[in-house]
Structures are given as structure tokens and as C-alpha cells.
Amino acid sequence: MEGTLWYVLTGTRGGRNRIRILQAIDERPRNAHQLADDLDLDYKTVRHHLDVLLDNDIVDKSGDDYGAVYLPTDRVRANWGTVQEIFERVE
């Protein structure tokens, strides 16, 4: 999981936005529209990054597709020390 976190959050072009999204949903689970508004990002951009995070088991969603709320997975929570290290290095 650690390697996946480093790759998805730092080794790809959209890593910085994925970090911002993960930080935001760690504070409070939100849906894609809330994330787009809160982070001042385009809705389609947020959806793309959420799909990448979902595909890599970094976030889960709860609820129907349109209003689904996103939150970090249990696997990510178990590796939160790595996530914190990534946050600190990127800031």
C-alpha cells in the first residue's frame, strides 16, 4: 500500500490535487460537488481524481453515484503515517 500511495500522490501529474482531495475528505467526508467548491477545482477534474483514488483503494464512496460521499479507506487509515509523510514532503 505504501508504494501505491507514493505513486498515486506524488508520482503522477495530478498528485497535488489528489493530496488536496485526500486532506479535505480526511477533515470531513464530502461529495464531488462539495470538493470542487471547497478546493476551487472543476467538477470534472475532481471526479477524475476521485476515480483514480477509488481505483487504487485510497478512498471509498458511500451513497448513490451523484451524491456519493467520499472518505479514506481503512487500508489508507492503517497507513496514515505514510500519508502524513507525503503531505509534509509535498507542502
N, C-alpha and C. Protein backbone atom coordinates (compact mmCIF):
# COMPACT_ATOMS: atom_id res chain seq x y z
N MET A 1 0.83 -1.20 0.00
CA MET A 1 0.00 0.00 0.00
C MET A 1 0.87 1.25 0.00
N GLU A 2 2.00 1.22 0.71
CA GLU A 2 2.85 2.41 0.78
C GLU A 2 3.31 2.84 -0.61
N GLY A 3 3.74 1.87 -1.42
CA GLY A 3 4.19 2.19 -2.77
C GLY A 3 3.09 2.80 -3.61
N THR A 4 1.88 2.27 -3.47
CA THR A 4 0.74 2.81 -4.20
C THR A 4 0.47 4.25 -3.78
N LEU A 5 0.52 4.51 -2.49
CA LEU A 5 0.28 5.88 -2.00
C LEU A 5 1.30 6.84 -2.58
N TRP A 6 2.58 6.48 -2.51
CA TRP A 6 3.62 7.36 -3.04
C TRP A 6 3.42 7.60 -4.53
N TYR A 7 3.10 6.54 -5.28
CA TYR A 7 2.94 6.70 -6.72
C TYR A 7 1.74 7.58 -7.07
N VAL A 8 0.59 7.27 -6.48
CA VAL A 8 -0.64 7.99 -6.83
C VAL A 8 -0.61 9.44 -6.35
N LEU A 9 0.02 9.69 -5.20
CA LEU A 9 0.01 11.03 -4.63
C LEU A 9 1.21 11.88 -5.03
N THR A 10 2.29 11.27 -5.50
CA THR A 10 3.46 12.07 -5.86
C THR A 10 4.05 11.74 -7.21
N GLY A 11 3.81 10.55 -7.72
CA GLY A 11 4.49 10.11 -8.93
C GLY A 11 3.74 10.36 -10.22
N THR A 12 2.62 11.05 -10.12
CA THR A 12 1.82 11.32 -11.31
C THR A 12 1.48 12.80 -11.37
N ARG A 13 1.09 13.25 -12.55
CA ARG A 13 0.83 14.68 -12.77
C ARG A 13 -0.21 15.28 -11.84
N GLY A 14 -1.24 14.54 -11.52
CA GLY A 14 -2.32 15.09 -10.70
C GLY A 14 -2.15 14.86 -9.22
N GLY A 15 -0.97 14.44 -8.81
CA GLY A 15 -0.76 14.08 -7.41
C GLY A 15 -1.10 15.18 -6.42
N ARG A 16 -0.74 16.41 -6.74
CA ARG A 16 -1.00 17.52 -5.81
C ARG A 16 -2.50 17.69 -5.55
N ASN A 17 -3.30 17.61 -6.61
CA ASN A 17 -4.76 17.72 -6.41
C ASN A 17 -5.30 16.53 -5.65
N ARG A 18 -4.74 15.35 -5.87
CA ARG A 18 -5.19 14.17 -5.13
C ARG A 18 -4.88 14.32 -3.65
N ILE A 19 -3.73 14.90 -3.35
CA ILE A 19 -3.38 15.16 -1.95
C ILE A 19 -4.38 16.14 -1.35
N ARG A 20 -4.70 17.19 -2.05
CA ARG A 20 -5.67 18.17 -1.56
C ARG A 20 -7.03 17.52 -1.30
N ILE A 21 -7.45 16.65 -2.21
CA ILE A 21 -8.73 15.96 -2.05
C ILE A 21 -8.69 15.05 -0.84
N LEU A 22 -7.61 14.28 -0.69
CA LEU A 22 -7.49 13.37 0.44
C LEU A 22 -7.45 14.14 1.76
N GLN A 23 -6.76 15.26 1.80
CA GLN A 23 -6.74 16.09 3.01
C GLN A 23 -8.15 16.60 3.33
N ALA A 24 -8.88 17.02 2.31
CA ALA A 24 -10.22 17.56 2.53
C ALA A 24 -11.17 16.50 3.06
N ILE A 25 -11.13 15.29 2.50
CA ILE A 25 -12.07 14.26 2.97
C ILE A 25 -11.62 13.66 4.30
N ASP A 26 -10.35 13.84 4.64
CA ASP A 26 -9.91 13.44 5.98
C ASP A 26 -10.53 14.36 7.02
N GLU A 27 -10.61 15.65 6.70
CA GLU A 27 -11.25 16.61 7.60
C GLU A 27 -12.72 16.30 7.78
N ARG A 28 -13.38 16.04 6.64
CA ARG A 28 -14.82 15.81 6.65
C ARG A 28 -15.20 15.12 5.34
N PRO A 29 -15.87 13.96 5.40
CA PRO A 29 -16.32 13.33 4.15
C PRO A 29 -17.20 14.30 3.36
N ARG A 30 -17.00 14.30 2.04
CA ARG A 30 -17.74 15.23 1.17
C ARG A 30 -18.05 14.54 -0.15
N ASN A 31 -18.98 15.14 -0.89
CA ASN A 31 -19.26 14.64 -2.24
C ASN A 31 -18.42 15.43 -3.24
N ALA A 32 -18.49 15.02 -4.50
CA ALA A 32 -17.64 15.63 -5.53
C ALA A 32 -17.94 17.12 -5.71
N HIS A 33 -19.20 17.50 -5.63
CA HIS A 33 -19.54 18.93 -5.78
C HIS A 33 -18.97 19.76 -4.64
N GLN A 34 -19.09 19.25 -3.42
CA GLN A 34 -18.53 19.96 -2.28
C GLN A 34 -17.02 20.11 -2.41
N LEU A 35 -16.37 19.02 -2.83
CA LEU A 35 -14.91 19.08 -3.03
C LEU A 35 -14.54 20.11 -4.08
N ALA A 36 -15.26 20.11 -5.20
CA ALA A 36 -14.97 21.08 -6.28
C ALA A 36 -15.11 22.51 -5.76
N ASP A 37 -16.17 22.76 -5.01
CA ASP A 37 -16.39 24.11 -4.47
C ASP A 37 -15.33 24.47 -3.43
N ASP A 38 -15.10 23.56 -2.49
CA ASP A 38 -14.18 23.84 -1.39
C ASP A 38 -12.73 24.00 -1.86
N LEU A 39 -12.34 23.26 -2.90
CA LEU A 39 -10.96 23.28 -3.39
C LEU A 39 -10.77 24.17 -4.61
N ASP A 40 -11.86 24.79 -5.06
CA ASP A 40 -11.83 25.65 -6.24
C ASP A 40 -11.25 24.91 -7.46
N LEU A 41 -11.79 23.71 -7.69
CA LEU A 41 -11.41 22.88 -8.83
C LEU A 41 -12.64 22.61 -9.68
N ASP A 42 -12.43 22.34 -10.95
CA ASP A 42 -13.51 21.96 -11.84
C ASP A 42 -14.10 20.61 -11.39
N TYR A 43 -15.43 20.50 -11.47
CA TYR A 43 -16.11 19.27 -11.05
C TYR A 43 -15.55 18.05 -11.77
N LYS A 44 -15.34 18.15 -13.09
CA LYS A 44 -14.84 17.00 -13.86
C LYS A 44 -13.43 16.62 -13.42
N THR A 45 -12.64 17.60 -13.05
CA THR A 45 -11.29 17.32 -12.53
C THR A 45 -11.38 16.54 -11.23
N VAL A 46 -12.26 16.98 -10.34
CA VAL A 46 -12.44 16.29 -9.06
C VAL A 46 -12.90 14.86 -9.30
N ARG A 47 -13.87 14.69 -10.19
CA ARG A 47 -14.36 13.33 -10.48
C ARG A 47 -13.25 12.44 -11.02
N HIS A 48 -12.43 12.96 -11.90
CA HIS A 48 -11.31 12.18 -12.43
C HIS A 48 -10.38 11.73 -11.30
N HIS A 49 -10.01 12.66 -10.44
CA HIS A 49 -9.10 12.32 -9.35
C HIS A 49 -9.75 11.35 -8.36
N LEU A 50 -11.03 11.52 -8.09
CA LEU A 50 -11.73 10.58 -7.22
C LEU A 50 -11.74 9.18 -7.83
N ASP A 51 -11.94 9.09 -9.15
CA ASP A 51 -11.90 7.78 -9.81
C ASP A 51 -10.53 7.12 -9.67
N VAL A 52 -9.46 7.90 -9.81
CA VAL A 52 -8.10 7.37 -9.64
C VAL A 52 -7.92 6.89 -8.20
N LEU A 53 -8.36 7.68 -7.25
CA LEU A 53 -8.24 7.30 -5.84
C LEU A 53 -9.08 6.07 -5.52
N LEU A 54 -10.27 5.97 -6.10
CA LEU A 54 -11.11 4.77 -5.92
C LEU A 54 -10.44 3.55 -6.53
N ASP A 55 -9.94 3.68 -7.74
CA ASP A 55 -9.30 2.55 -8.44
C ASP A 55 -8.09 2.02 -7.69
N ASN A 56 -7.46 2.87 -6.90
CA ASN A 56 -6.26 2.48 -6.16
C ASN A 56 -6.53 2.21 -4.68
N ASP A 57 -7.81 2.06 -4.32
CA ASP A 57 -8.23 1.72 -2.96
C ASP A 57 -7.73 2.74 -1.93
N ILE A 58 -7.75 4.00 -2.32
CA ILE A 58 -7.33 5.07 -1.40
C ILE A 58 -8.55 5.73 -0.78
N VAL A 59 -9.65 5.82 -1.53
CA VAL A 59 -10.90 6.33 -0.99
C VAL A 59 -12.03 5.34 -1.28
N ASP A 60 -13.06 5.42 -0.47
CA ASP A 60 -14.32 4.69 -0.65
C ASP A 60 -15.41 5.72 -0.85
N LYS A 61 -16.52 5.27 -1.43
CA LYS A 61 -17.67 6.17 -1.51
C LYS A 61 -18.86 5.51 -0.87
N SER A 62 -19.70 6.36 -0.32
CA SER A 62 -20.89 5.91 0.36
C SER A 62 -22.07 6.66 -0.24
N GLY A 63 -23.08 5.93 -0.68
CA GLY A 63 -24.26 6.55 -1.25
C GLY A 63 -24.30 6.37 -2.76
N ASP A 64 -25.35 6.96 -3.37
CA ASP A 64 -25.51 6.81 -4.82
C ASP A 64 -24.47 7.64 -5.56
N ASP A 65 -24.32 7.38 -6.83
CA ASP A 65 -23.23 7.96 -7.61
C ASP A 65 -23.23 9.48 -7.58
N TYR A 66 -24.39 10.10 -7.80
CA TYR A 66 -24.45 11.56 -7.89
C TYR A 66 -24.10 12.24 -6.56
N GLY A 67 -24.69 11.76 -5.48
CA GLY A 67 -24.48 12.40 -4.18
C GLY A 67 -23.53 11.64 -3.28
N ALA A 68 -22.77 10.71 -3.85
CA ALA A 68 -21.87 9.87 -3.05
C ALA A 68 -20.90 10.73 -2.24
N VAL A 69 -20.69 10.31 -1.03
CA VAL A 69 -19.74 10.96 -0.13
C VAL A 69 -18.48 10.10 -0.10
N TYR A 70 -17.33 10.74 -0.15
CA TYR A 70 -16.04 10.04 -0.21
C TYR A 70 -15.31 10.17 1.11
N LEU A 71 -14.60 9.09 1.47
CA LEU A 71 -13.81 9.07 2.68
C LEU A 71 -12.61 8.14 2.49
N PRO A 72 -11.54 8.32 3.27
CA PRO A 72 -10.38 7.43 3.14
C PRO A 72 -10.74 5.99 3.48
N THR A 73 -10.12 5.03 2.80
CA THR A 73 -10.36 3.62 3.08
C THR A 73 -9.70 3.21 4.38
N ASP A 74 -10.11 2.06 4.90
CA ASP A 74 -9.48 1.51 6.10
C ASP A 74 -8.00 1.22 5.85
N ARG A 75 -7.65 0.76 4.63
CA ARG A 75 -6.25 0.48 4.30
C ARG A 75 -5.42 1.76 4.37
N VAL A 76 -5.97 2.86 3.90
CA VAL A 76 -5.25 4.13 3.97
C VAL A 76 -5.13 4.58 5.43
N ARG A 77 -6.18 4.43 6.18
CA ARG A 77 -6.14 4.79 7.61
C ARG A 77 -5.04 3.99 8.33
N ALA A 78 -4.90 2.71 7.97
CA ALA A 78 -3.87 1.86 8.59
C ALA A 78 -2.46 2.31 8.20
N ASN A 79 -2.35 3.05 7.10
CA ASN A 79 -1.06 3.56 6.63
C ASN A 79 -1.00 5.08 6.70
N TRP A 80 -1.72 5.66 7.65
CA TRP A 80 -1.84 7.12 7.72
C TRP A 80 -0.49 7.80 7.98
N GLY A 81 0.43 7.10 8.63
CA GLY A 81 1.76 7.66 8.84
C GLY A 81 2.44 7.97 7.51
N THR A 82 2.29 7.09 6.53
CA THR A 82 2.85 7.32 5.19
C THR A 82 2.15 8.50 4.53
N VAL A 83 0.84 8.58 4.68
CA VAL A 83 0.08 9.69 4.10
C VAL A 83 0.57 11.00 4.70
N GLN A 84 0.76 11.04 6.01
CA GLN A 84 1.25 12.26 6.66
C GLN A 84 2.64 12.64 6.14
N GLU A 85 3.49 11.64 5.97
CA GLU A 85 4.83 11.90 5.44
C GLU A 85 4.75 12.50 4.04
N ILE A 86 3.86 11.99 3.22
CA ILE A 86 3.67 12.53 1.86
C ILE A 86 3.18 13.97 1.94
N PHE A 87 2.18 14.22 2.79
CA PHE A 87 1.67 15.58 2.95
C PHE A 87 2.79 16.55 3.32
N GLU A 88 3.62 16.15 4.27
CA GLU A 88 4.70 17.03 4.75
C GLU A 88 5.74 17.29 3.67
N ARG A 89 6.07 16.29 2.89
CA ARG A 89 7.09 16.46 1.85
C ARG A 89 6.62 17.30 0.69
N VAL A 90 5.33 17.26 0.42
CA VAL A 90 4.79 17.97 -0.74
C VAL A 90 4.50 19.43 -0.41
N GLU A 91 4.18 19.74 0.82
CA GLU A 91 3.82 21.11 1.21
C GLU A 91 4.93 22.07 1.02
